[in-house]
Structures are given as C-alpha cells and as structure tokens.
Amino acid sequence: TVAPDAGLVEDLVAANRILFDQGVVDGFG
C-alpha cells in the first residue's frame, strides 16, 4: 500500500458530510 494524499482523504470525509447536508443521502448511501 501507498498512503493517499491527506487532502484527498479530507475531501472524501467532507463529501460524505456534504451529501448528507444537501439531502442526497441519509443514513444510507
């Protein structure tokens, strides 16, 4: 394994939260 860029992980975490905040996902997705 090679660690991904920290910014990519940060954006992935943010994206999960954004999708919930924008009503695209709830507890699923």
mmCIF file of all heavy atoms, coordinates in Angstrom:
data_MODEL
# 
_entry.id   MODEL 
# 
loop_
_atom_site.group_PDB 
_atom_site.id 
_atom_site.type_symbol 
_atom_site.label_atom_id 
_atom_site.label_alt_id 
_atom_site.label_comp_id 
_atom_site.label_asym_id 
_atom_site.label_entity_id 
_atom_site.label_seq_id 
_atom_site.pdbx_PDB_ins_code 
_atom_site.Cartn_x 
_atom_site.Cartn_y 
_atom_site.Cartn_z 
_atom_site.occupancy 
_atom_site.B_iso_or_equiv 
_atom_site.pdbx_formal_charge 
_atom_site.auth_seq_id 
_atom_site.auth_comp_id 
_atom_site.auth_asym_id 
_atom_site.auth_atom_id 
_atom_site.pdbx_PDB_model_num 
ATOM 1   N N   . THR A 1 1  ? 0.826   -1.193 0.000  1.00 0.00 ? 1  THR A N   1 
ATOM 2   C CA  . THR A 1 1  ? 0.000   0.000  0.000  1.00 0.00 ? 1  THR A CA  1 
ATOM 3   C C   . THR A 1 1  ? 0.863   1.247  0.000  1.00 0.00 ? 1  THR A C   1 
ATOM 4   O O   . THR A 1 1  ? 1.987   1.245  0.490  1.00 0.00 ? 1  THR A O   1 
ATOM 5   C CB  . THR A 1 1  ? -0.922  0.053  1.240  1.00 0.00 ? 1  THR A CB  1 
ATOM 6   O OG1 . THR A 1 1  ? -0.099  0.044  2.414  1.00 0.00 ? 1  THR A OG1 1 
ATOM 7   C CG2 . THR A 1 1  ? -1.871  -1.130 1.274  1.00 0.00 ? 1  THR A CG2 1 
ATOM 8   N N   . VAL A 1 2  ? 0.304   2.315  -0.561 1.00 0.00 ? 2  VAL A N   1 
ATOM 9   C CA  . VAL A 1 2  ? 0.927   3.631  -0.528 1.00 0.00 ? 2  VAL A CA  1 
ATOM 10  C C   . VAL A 1 2  ? -0.137  4.593  -0.029 1.00 0.00 ? 2  VAL A C   1 
ATOM 11  O O   . VAL A 1 2  ? -1.258  4.610  -0.553 1.00 0.00 ? 2  VAL A O   1 
ATOM 12  C CB  . VAL A 1 2  ? 1.422   4.065  -1.925 1.00 0.00 ? 2  VAL A CB  1 
ATOM 13  C CG1 . VAL A 1 2  ? 2.038   5.452  -1.863 1.00 0.00 ? 2  VAL A CG1 1 
ATOM 14  C CG2 . VAL A 1 2  ? 2.422   3.057  -2.479 1.00 0.00 ? 2  VAL A CG2 1 
ATOM 15  N N   . ALA A 1 3  ? 0.183   5.370  0.975  1.00 0.00 ? 3  ALA A N   1 
ATOM 16  C CA  . ALA A 1 3  ? -0.807  6.277  1.557  1.00 0.00 ? 3  ALA A CA  1 
ATOM 17  C C   . ALA A 1 3  ? -1.244  7.328  0.548  1.00 0.00 ? 3  ALA A C   1 
ATOM 18  O O   . ALA A 1 3  ? -0.417  7.892  -0.172 1.00 0.00 ? 3  ALA A O   1 
ATOM 19  C CB  . ALA A 1 3  ? -0.229  6.949  2.793  1.00 0.00 ? 3  ALA A CB  1 
ATOM 20  N N   . PRO A 1 4  ? -2.537  7.603  0.454  1.00 0.00 ? 4  PRO A N   1 
ATOM 21  C CA  . PRO A 1 4  ? -3.011  8.660  -0.431 1.00 0.00 ? 4  PRO A CA  1 
ATOM 22  C C   . PRO A 1 4  ? -2.677  10.025 0.125  1.00 0.00 ? 4  PRO A C   1 
ATOM 23  O O   . PRO A 1 4  ? -2.286  10.165 1.293  1.00 0.00 ? 4  PRO A O   1 
ATOM 24  C CB  . PRO A 1 4  ? -4.526  8.437  -0.441 1.00 0.00 ? 4  PRO A CB  1 
ATOM 25  C CG  . PRO A 1 4  ? -4.815  7.879  0.911  1.00 0.00 ? 4  PRO A CG  1 
ATOM 26  C CD  . PRO A 1 4  ? -3.630  6.988  1.221  1.00 0.00 ? 4  PRO A CD  1 
ATOM 27  N N   . ASP A 1 5  ? -2.834  11.036 -0.679 1.00 0.00 ? 5  ASP A N   1 
ATOM 28  C CA  . ASP A 1 5  ? -2.637  12.399 -0.223 1.00 0.00 ? 5  ASP A CA  1 
ATOM 29  C C   . ASP A 1 5  ? -3.628  12.718 0.893  1.00 0.00 ? 5  ASP A C   1 
ATOM 30  O O   . ASP A 1 5  ? -4.807  12.354 0.804  1.00 0.00 ? 5  ASP A O   1 
ATOM 31  C CB  . ASP A 1 5  ? -2.829  13.363 -1.395 1.00 0.00 ? 5  ASP A CB  1 
ATOM 32  C CG  . ASP A 1 5  ? -2.567  14.800 -1.001 1.00 0.00 ? 5  ASP A CG  1 
ATOM 33  O OD1 . ASP A 1 5  ? -1.402  15.182 -0.921 1.00 0.00 ? 5  ASP A OD1 1 
ATOM 34  O OD2 . ASP A 1 5  ? -3.552  15.524 -0.749 1.00 0.00 ? 5  ASP A OD2 1 
ATOM 35  N N   . ALA A 1 6  ? -3.167  13.386 1.944  1.00 0.00 ? 6  ALA A N   1 
ATOM 36  C CA  . ALA A 1 6  ? -4.033  13.705 3.077  1.00 0.00 ? 6  ALA A CA  1 
ATOM 37  C C   . ALA A 1 6  ? -5.213  14.568 2.644  1.00 0.00 ? 6  ALA A C   1 
ATOM 38  O O   . ALA A 1 6  ? -6.320  14.436 3.177  1.00 0.00 ? 6  ALA A O   1 
ATOM 39  C CB  . ALA A 1 6  ? -3.229  14.423 4.161  1.00 0.00 ? 6  ALA A CB  1 
ATOM 40  N N   . GLY A 1 7  ? -5.000  15.443 1.669  1.00 0.00 ? 7  GLY A N   1 
ATOM 41  C CA  . GLY A 1 7  ? -6.085  16.299 1.190  1.00 0.00 ? 7  GLY A CA  1 
ATOM 42  C C   . GLY A 1 7  ? -7.191  15.510 0.516  1.00 0.00 ? 7  GLY A C   1 
ATOM 43  O O   . GLY A 1 7  ? -8.373  15.897 0.580  1.00 0.00 ? 7  GLY A O   1 
ATOM 44  N N   . LEU A 1 8  ? -6.836  14.395 -0.139 1.00 0.00 ? 8  LEU A N   1 
ATOM 45  C CA  . LEU A 1 8  ? -7.835  13.560 -0.783 1.00 0.00 ? 8  LEU A CA  1 
ATOM 46  C C   . LEU A 1 8  ? -8.735  12.914 0.268  1.00 0.00 ? 8  LEU A C   1 
ATOM 47  O O   . LEU A 1 8  ? -9.960  12.854 0.108  1.00 0.00 ? 8  LEU A O   1 
ATOM 48  C CB  . LEU A 1 8  ? -7.157  12.486 -1.635 1.00 0.00 ? 8  LEU A CB  1 
ATOM 49  C CG  . LEU A 1 8  ? -8.081  11.620 -2.495 1.00 0.00 ? 8  LEU A CG  1 
ATOM 50  C CD1 . LEU A 1 8  ? -8.703  12.457 -3.609 1.00 0.00 ? 8  LEU A CD1 1 
ATOM 51  C CD2 . LEU A 1 8  ? -7.317  10.441 -3.091 1.00 0.00 ? 8  LEU A CD2 1 
ATOM 52  N N   . VAL A 1 9  ? -8.132  12.425 1.340  1.00 0.00 ? 9  VAL A N   1 
ATOM 53  C CA  . VAL A 1 9  ? -8.905  11.827 2.428  1.00 0.00 ? 9  VAL A CA  1 
ATOM 54  C C   . VAL A 1 9  ? -9.787  12.879 3.087  1.00 0.00 ? 9  VAL A C   1 
ATOM 55  O O   . VAL A 1 9  ? -10.961 12.636 3.393  1.00 0.00 ? 9  VAL A O   1 
ATOM 56  C CB  . VAL A 1 9  ? -7.976  11.169 3.457  1.00 0.00 ? 9  VAL A CB  1 
ATOM 57  C CG1 . VAL A 1 9  ? -8.762  10.646 4.655  1.00 0.00 ? 9  VAL A CG1 1 
ATOM 58  C CG2 . VAL A 1 9  ? -7.196  10.030 2.812  1.00 0.00 ? 9  VAL A CG2 1 
ATOM 59  N N   . GLU A 1 10 ? -9.244  14.052 3.293  1.00 0.00 ? 10 GLU A N   1 
ATOM 60  C CA  . GLU A 1 10 ? -10.019 15.146 3.894  1.00 0.00 ? 10 GLU A CA  1 
ATOM 61  C C   . GLU A 1 10 ? -11.241 15.474 3.036  1.00 0.00 ? 10 GLU A C   1 
ATOM 62  O O   . GLU A 1 10 ? -12.344 15.655 3.553  1.00 0.00 ? 10 GLU A O   1 
ATOM 63  C CB  . GLU A 1 10 ? -9.137  16.385 4.033  1.00 0.00 ? 10 GLU A CB  1 
ATOM 64  C CG  . GLU A 1 10 ? -9.859  17.609 4.587  1.00 0.00 ? 10 GLU A CG  1 
ATOM 65  C CD  . GLU A 1 10 ? -8.990  18.852 4.581  1.00 0.00 ? 10 GLU A CD  1 
ATOM 66  O OE1 . GLU A 1 10 ? -7.788  18.736 4.871  1.00 0.00 ? 10 GLU A OE1 1 
ATOM 67  O OE2 . GLU A 1 10 ? -9.529  19.937 4.276  1.00 0.00 ? 10 GLU A OE2 1 
ATOM 68  N N   . ASP A 1 11 ? -11.055 15.540 1.718  1.00 0.00 ? 11 ASP A N   1 
ATOM 69  C CA  . ASP A 1 11 ? -12.172 15.839 0.819  1.00 0.00 ? 11 ASP A CA  1 
ATOM 70  C C   . ASP A 1 11 ? -13.200 14.712 0.805  1.00 0.00 ? 11 ASP A C   1 
ATOM 71  O O   . ASP A 1 11 ? -14.409 14.963 0.677  1.00 0.00 ? 11 ASP A O   1 
ATOM 72  C CB  . ASP A 1 11 ? -11.667 16.092 -0.599 1.00 0.00 ? 11 ASP A CB  1 
ATOM 73  C CG  . ASP A 1 11 ? -11.106 17.494 -0.778 1.00 0.00 ? 11 ASP A CG  1 
ATOM 74  O OD1 . ASP A 1 11 ? -11.243 18.317 0.148  1.00 0.00 ? 11 ASP A OD1 1 
ATOM 75  O OD2 . ASP A 1 11 ? -10.534 17.772 -1.854 1.00 0.00 ? 11 ASP A OD2 1 
ATOM 76  N N   . LEU A 1 12 ? -12.732 13.475 0.928  1.00 0.00 ? 12 LEU A N   1 
ATOM 77  C CA  . LEU A 1 12 ? -13.670 12.347 0.949  1.00 0.00 ? 12 LEU A CA  1 
ATOM 78  C C   . LEU A 1 12 ? -14.534 12.393 2.205  1.00 0.00 ? 12 LEU A C   1 
ATOM 79  O O   . LEU A 1 12 ? -15.740 12.134 2.151  1.00 0.00 ? 12 LEU A O   1 
ATOM 80  C CB  . LEU A 1 12 ? -12.900 11.027 0.866  1.00 0.00 ? 12 LEU A CB  1 
ATOM 81  C CG  . LEU A 1 12 ? -13.736 9.745  0.785  1.00 0.00 ? 12 LEU A CG  1 
ATOM 82  C CD1 . LEU A 1 12 ? -14.707 9.784  -0.391 1.00 0.00 ? 12 LEU A CD1 1 
ATOM 83  C CD2 . LEU A 1 12 ? -12.827 8.524  0.688  1.00 0.00 ? 12 LEU A CD2 1 
ATOM 84  N N   . VAL A 1 13 ? -13.939 12.723 3.328  1.00 0.00 ? 13 VAL A N   1 
ATOM 85  C CA  . VAL A 1 13 ? -14.701 12.882 4.564  1.00 0.00 ? 13 VAL A CA  1 
ATOM 86  C C   . VAL A 1 13 ? -15.700 14.023 4.413  1.00 0.00 ? 13 VAL A C   1 
ATOM 87  O O   . VAL A 1 13 ? -16.891 13.882 4.745  1.00 0.00 ? 13 VAL A O   1 
ATOM 88  C CB  . VAL A 1 13 ? -13.754 13.158 5.756  1.00 0.00 ? 13 VAL A CB  1 
ATOM 89  C CG1 . VAL A 1 13 ? -14.550 13.538 7.006  1.00 0.00 ? 13 VAL A CG1 1 
ATOM 90  C CG2 . VAL A 1 13 ? -12.879 11.937 6.033  1.00 0.00 ? 13 VAL A CG2 1 
ATOM 91  N N   . ALA A 1 14 ? -15.238 15.143 3.881  1.00 0.00 ? 14 ALA A N   1 
ATOM 92  C CA  . ALA A 1 14 ? -16.121 16.298 3.686  1.00 0.00 ? 14 ALA A CA  1 
ATOM 93  C C   . ALA A 1 14 ? -17.274 15.958 2.747  1.00 0.00 ? 14 ALA A C   1 
ATOM 94  O O   . ALA A 1 14 ? -18.416 16.355 2.981  1.00 0.00 ? 14 ALA A O   1 
ATOM 95  C CB  . ALA A 1 14 ? -15.329 17.475 3.132  1.00 0.00 ? 14 ALA A CB  1 
ATOM 96  N N   . ALA A 1 15 ? -16.991 15.211 1.683  1.00 0.00 ? 15 ALA A N   1 
ATOM 97  C CA  . ALA A 1 15 ? -18.017 14.862 0.711  1.00 0.00 ? 15 ALA A CA  1 
ATOM 98  C C   . ALA A 1 15 ? -19.144 14.053 1.345  1.00 0.00 ? 15 ALA A C   1 
ATOM 99  O O   . ALA A 1 15 ? -20.325 14.271 1.046  1.00 0.00 ? 15 ALA A O   1 
ATOM 100 C CB  . ALA A 1 15 ? -17.400 14.080 -0.448 1.00 0.00 ? 15 ALA A CB  1 
ATOM 101 N N   . ASN A 1 16 ? -18.787 13.112 2.216  1.00 0.00 ? 16 ASN A N   1 
ATOM 102 C CA  . ASN A 1 16 ? -19.812 12.343 2.913  1.00 0.00 ? 16 ASN A CA  1 
ATOM 103 C C   . ASN A 1 16 ? -20.742 13.263 3.687  1.00 0.00 ? 16 ASN A C   1 
ATOM 104 O O   . ASN A 1 16 ? -21.970 13.104 3.655  1.00 0.00 ? 16 ASN A O   1 
ATOM 105 C CB  . ASN A 1 16 ? -19.148 11.345 3.869  1.00 0.00 ? 16 ASN A CB  1 
ATOM 106 C CG  . ASN A 1 16 ? -18.747 10.059 3.199  1.00 0.00 ? 16 ASN A CG  1 
ATOM 107 O OD1 . ASN A 1 16 ? -19.557 9.152  3.026  1.00 0.00 ? 16 ASN A OD1 1 
ATOM 108 N ND2 . ASN A 1 16 ? -17.486 9.970  2.814  1.00 0.00 ? 16 ASN A ND2 1 
ATOM 109 N N   . ARG A 1 17 ? -20.182 14.236 4.366  1.00 0.00 ? 17 ARG A N   1 
ATOM 110 C CA  . ARG A 1 17 ? -20.970 15.147 5.182  1.00 0.00 ? 17 ARG A CA  1 
ATOM 111 C C   . ARG A 1 17 ? -21.787 16.114 4.325  1.00 0.00 ? 17 ARG A C   1 
ATOM 112 O O   . ARG A 1 17 ? -22.925 16.457 4.649  1.00 0.00 ? 17 ARG A O   1 
ATOM 113 C CB  . ARG A 1 17 ? -20.044 15.896 6.137  1.00 0.00 ? 17 ARG A CB  1 
ATOM 114 C CG  . ARG A 1 17 ? -19.395 14.961 7.160  1.00 0.00 ? 17 ARG A CG  1 
ATOM 115 C CD  . ARG A 1 17 ? -18.255 15.642 7.901  1.00 0.00 ? 17 ARG A CD  1 
ATOM 116 N NE  . ARG A 1 17 ? -17.686 14.722 8.882  1.00 0.00 ? 17 ARG A NE  1 
ATOM 117 C CZ  . ARG A 1 17 ? -18.073 14.654 10.150 1.00 0.00 ? 17 ARG A CZ  1 
ATOM 118 N NH1 . ARG A 1 17 ? -19.037 15.443 10.587 1.00 0.00 ? 17 ARG A NH1 1 
ATOM 119 N NH2 . ARG A 1 17 ? -17.509 13.801 10.981 1.00 0.00 ? 17 ARG A NH2 1 
ATOM 120 N N   . ILE A 1 18 ? -21.194 16.569 3.212  1.00 0.00 ? 18 ILE A N   1 
ATOM 121 C CA  . ILE A 1 18 ? -21.909 17.461 2.299  1.00 0.00 ? 18 ILE A CA  1 
ATOM 122 C C   . ILE A 1 18 ? -23.136 16.766 1.716  1.00 0.00 ? 18 ILE A C   1 
ATOM 123 O O   . ILE A 1 18 ? -24.226 17.353 1.641  1.00 0.00 ? 18 ILE A O   1 
ATOM 124 C CB  . ILE A 1 18 ? -20.974 17.932 1.168  1.00 0.00 ? 18 ILE A CB  1 
ATOM 125 C CG1 . ILE A 1 18 ? -19.912 18.890 1.713  1.00 0.00 ? 18 ILE A CG1 1 
ATOM 126 C CG2 . ILE A 1 18 ? -21.763 18.609 0.050  1.00 0.00 ? 18 ILE A CG2 1 
ATOM 127 C CD1 . ILE A 1 18 ? -18.779 19.160 0.745  1.00 0.00 ? 18 ILE A CD1 1 
ATOM 128 N N   . LEU A 1 19 ? -22.969 15.528 1.285  1.00 0.00 ? 19 LEU A N   1 
ATOM 129 C CA  . LEU A 1 19 ? -24.076 14.798 0.675  1.00 0.00 ? 19 LEU A CA  1 
ATOM 130 C C   . LEU A 1 19 ? -25.243 14.646 1.653  1.00 0.00 ? 19 LEU A C   1 
ATOM 131 O O   . LEU A 1 19 ? -26.409 14.712 1.256  1.00 0.00 ? 19 LEU A O   1 
ATOM 132 C CB  . LEU A 1 19 ? -23.603 13.438 0.178  1.00 0.00 ? 19 LEU A CB  1 
ATOM 133 C CG  . LEU A 1 19 ? -22.634 13.479 -1.015 1.00 0.00 ? 19 LEU A CG  1 
ATOM 134 C CD1 . LEU A 1 19 ? -22.039 12.100 -1.263 1.00 0.00 ? 19 LEU A CD1 1 
ATOM 135 C CD2 . LEU A 1 19 ? -23.335 13.988 -2.269 1.00 0.00 ? 19 LEU A CD2 1 
ATOM 136 N N   . PHE A 1 20 ? -24.928 14.453 2.919  1.00 0.00 ? 20 PHE A N   1 
ATOM 137 C CA  . PHE A 1 20 ? -25.980 14.405 3.932  1.00 0.00 ? 20 PHE A CA  1 
ATOM 138 C C   . PHE A 1 20 ? -26.597 15.786 4.112  1.00 0.00 ? 20 PHE A C   1 
ATOM 139 O O   . PHE A 1 20 ? -27.825 15.943 4.134  1.00 0.00 ? 20 PHE A O   1 
ATOM 140 C CB  . PHE A 1 20 ? -25.421 13.912 5.266  1.00 0.00 ? 20 PHE A CB  1 
ATOM 141 C CG  . PHE A 1 20 ? -26.413 13.988 6.392  1.00 0.00 ? 20 PHE A CG  1 
ATOM 142 C CD1 . PHE A 1 20 ? -27.466 13.083 6.488  1.00 0.00 ? 20 PHE A CD1 1 
ATOM 143 C CD2 . PHE A 1 20 ? -26.317 14.998 7.345  1.00 0.00 ? 20 PHE A CD2 1 
ATOM 144 C CE1 . PHE A 1 20 ? -28.397 13.170 7.513  1.00 0.00 ? 20 PHE A CE1 1 
ATOM 145 C CE2 . PHE A 1 20 ? -27.234 15.089 8.376  1.00 0.00 ? 20 PHE A CE2 1 
ATOM 146 C CZ  . PHE A 1 20 ? -28.282 14.173 8.460  1.00 0.00 ? 20 PHE A CZ  1 
ATOM 147 N N   . ASP A 1 21 ? -25.766 16.793 4.216  1.00 0.00 ? 21 ASP A N   1 
ATOM 148 C CA  . ASP A 1 21 ? -26.229 18.154 4.445  1.00 0.00 ? 21 ASP A CA  1 
ATOM 149 C C   . ASP A 1 21 ? -27.115 18.646 3.305  1.00 0.00 ? 21 ASP A C   1 
ATOM 150 O O   . ASP A 1 21 ? -28.063 19.419 3.522  1.00 0.00 ? 21 ASP A O   1 
ATOM 151 C CB  . ASP A 1 21 ? -25.023 19.080 4.616  1.00 0.00 ? 21 ASP A CB  1 
ATOM 152 C CG  . ASP A 1 21 ? -25.393 20.437 5.178  1.00 0.00 ? 21 ASP A CG  1 
ATOM 153 O OD1 . ASP A 1 21 ? -26.067 20.487 6.217  1.00 0.00 ? 21 ASP A OD1 1 
ATOM 154 O OD2 . ASP A 1 21 ? -24.998 21.450 4.580  1.00 0.00 ? 21 ASP A OD2 1 
ATOM 155 N N   . GLN A 1 22 ? -26.838 18.190 2.080  1.00 0.00 ? 22 GLN A N   1 
ATOM 156 C CA  . GLN A 1 22 ? -27.595 18.619 0.909  1.00 0.00 ? 22 GLN A CA  1 
ATOM 157 C C   . GLN A 1 22 ? -28.788 17.714 0.600  1.00 0.00 ? 22 GLN A C   1 
ATOM 158 O O   . GLN A 1 22 ? -29.472 17.907 -0.400 1.00 0.00 ? 22 GLN A O   1 
ATOM 159 C CB  . GLN A 1 22 ? -26.668 18.683 -0.309 1.00 0.00 ? 22 GLN A CB  1 
ATOM 160 C CG  . GLN A 1 22 ? -25.598 19.754 -0.203 1.00 0.00 ? 22 GLN A CG  1 
ATOM 161 C CD  . GLN A 1 22 ? -26.176 21.160 -0.145 1.00 0.00 ? 22 GLN A CD  1 
ATOM 162 O OE1 . GLN A 1 22 ? -27.066 21.508 -0.913 1.00 0.00 ? 22 GLN A OE1 1 
ATOM 163 N NE2 . GLN A 1 22 ? -25.665 21.972 0.767  1.00 0.00 ? 22 GLN A NE2 1 
ATOM 164 N N   . GLY A 1 23 ? -29.035 16.718 1.439  1.00 0.00 ? 23 GLY A N   1 
ATOM 165 C CA  . GLY A 1 23 ? -30.204 15.866 1.272  1.00 0.00 ? 23 GLY A CA  1 
ATOM 166 C C   . GLY A 1 23 ? -30.087 14.804 0.198  1.00 0.00 ? 23 GLY A C   1 
ATOM 167 O O   . GLY A 1 23 ? -31.099 14.250 -0.233 1.00 0.00 ? 23 GLY A O   1 
ATOM 168 N N   . VAL A 1 24 ? -28.861 14.498 -0.221 1.00 0.00 ? 24 VAL A N   1 
ATOM 169 C CA  . VAL A 1 24 ? -28.659 13.459 -1.237 1.00 0.00 ? 24 VAL A CA  1 
ATOM 170 C C   . VAL A 1 24 ? -28.627 12.077 -0.587 1.00 0.00 ? 24 VAL A C   1 
ATOM 171 O O   . VAL A 1 24 ? -29.097 11.098 -1.153 1.00 0.00 ? 24 VAL A O   1 
ATOM 172 C CB  . VAL A 1 24 ? -27.368 13.721 -2.030 1.00 0.00 ? 24 VAL A CB  1 
ATOM 173 C CG1 . VAL A 1 24 ? -27.079 12.584 -3.011 1.00 0.00 ? 24 VAL A CG1 1 
ATOM 174 C CG2 . VAL A 1 24 ? -27.471 15.047 -2.775 1.00 0.00 ? 24 VAL A CG2 1 
ATOM 175 N N   . VAL A 1 25 ? -28.054 11.993 0.604  1.00 0.00 ? 25 VAL A N   1 
ATOM 176 C CA  . VAL A 1 25 ? -28.024 10.737 1.362  1.00 0.00 ? 25 VAL A CA  1 
ATOM 177 C C   . VAL A 1 25 ? -28.619 10.986 2.745  1.00 0.00 ? 25 VAL A C   1 
ATOM 178 O O   . VAL A 1 25 ? -28.725 12.130 3.203  1.00 0.00 ? 25 VAL A O   1 
ATOM 179 C CB  . VAL A 1 25 ? -26.588 10.179 1.506  1.00 0.00 ? 25 VAL A CB  1 
ATOM 180 C CG1 . VAL A 1 25 ? -25.971 9.913  0.145  1.00 0.00 ? 25 VAL A CG1 1 
ATOM 181 C CG2 . VAL A 1 25 ? -25.713 11.131 2.320  1.00 0.00 ? 25 VAL A CG2 1 
ATOM 182 N N   . ASP A 1 26 ? -28.989 9.884  3.416  1.00 0.00 ? 26 ASP A N   1 
ATOM 183 C CA  . ASP A 1 26 ? -29.408 9.978  4.809  1.00 0.00 ? 26 ASP A CA  1 
ATOM 184 C C   . ASP A 1 26 ? -28.484 9.061  5.619  1.00 0.00 ? 26 ASP A C   1 
ATOM 185 O O   . ASP A 1 26 ? -27.300 9.292  5.694  1.00 0.00 ? 26 ASP A O   1 
ATOM 186 C CB  . ASP A 1 26 ? -30.889 9.655  4.980  1.00 0.00 ? 26 ASP A CB  1 
ATOM 187 C CG  . ASP A 1 26 ? -31.301 8.359  4.255  1.00 0.00 ? 26 ASP A CG  1 
ATOM 188 O OD1 . ASP A 1 26 ? -30.418 7.549  3.891  1.00 0.00 ? 26 ASP A OD1 1 
ATOM 189 O OD2 . ASP A 1 26 ? -32.506 8.140  4.076  1.00 0.00 ? 26 ASP A OD2 1 
ATOM 190 N N   . GLY A 1 27 ? -29.028 8.016  6.216  1.00 0.00 ? 27 GLY A N   1 
ATOM 191 C CA  . GLY A 1 27 ? -28.175 7.048  6.889  1.00 0.00 ? 27 GLY A CA  1 
ATOM 192 C C   . GLY A 1 27 ? -27.557 6.059  5.918  1.00 0.00 ? 27 GLY A C   1 
ATOM 193 O O   . GLY A 1 27 ? -26.687 5.271  6.296  1.00 0.00 ? 27 GLY A O   1 
ATOM 194 N N   . PHE A 1 28 ? -28.013 6.088  4.667  1.00 0.00 ? 28 PHE A N   1 
ATOM 195 C CA  . PHE A 1 28 ? -27.549 5.162  3.637  1.00 0.00 ? 28 PHE A CA  1 
ATOM 196 C C   . PHE A 1 28 ? -26.949 5.937  2.472  1.00 0.00 ? 28 PHE A C   1 
ATOM 197 O O   . PHE A 1 28 ? -27.217 7.117  2.282  1.00 0.00 ? 28 PHE A O   1 
ATOM 198 C CB  . PHE A 1 28 ? -28.702 4.276  3.154  1.00 0.00 ? 28 PHE A CB  1 
ATOM 199 C CG  . PHE A 1 28 ? -29.256 3.382  4.220  1.00 0.00 ? 28 PHE A CG  1 
ATOM 200 C CD1 . PHE A 1 28 ? -30.320 3.803  5.017  1.00 0.00 ? 28 PHE A CD1 1 
ATOM 201 C CD2 . PHE A 1 28 ? -28.710 2.129  4.460  1.00 0.00 ? 28 PHE A CD2 1 
ATOM 202 C CE1 . PHE A 1 28 ? -30.835 2.984  6.013  1.00 0.00 ? 28 PHE A CE1 1 
ATOM 203 C CE2 . PHE A 1 28 ? -29.208 1.307  5.445  1.00 0.00 ? 28 PHE A CE2 1 
ATOM 204 C CZ  . PHE A 1 28 ? -30.276 1.730  6.229  1.00 0.00 ? 28 PHE A CZ  1 
ATOM 205 N N   . GLY A 1 29 ? -26.182 5.222  1.665  1.00 0.00 ? 29 GLY A N   1 
ATOM 206 C CA  . GLY A 1 29 ? -25.500 5.834  0.530  1.00 0.00 ? 29 GLY A CA  1 
ATOM 207 C C   . GLY A 1 29 ? -24.007 5.908  0.794  1.00 0.00 ? 29 GLY A C   1 
ATOM 208 O O   . GLY A 1 29 ? -23.565 5.845  1.950  1.00 0.00 ? 29 GLY A O   1 
# 
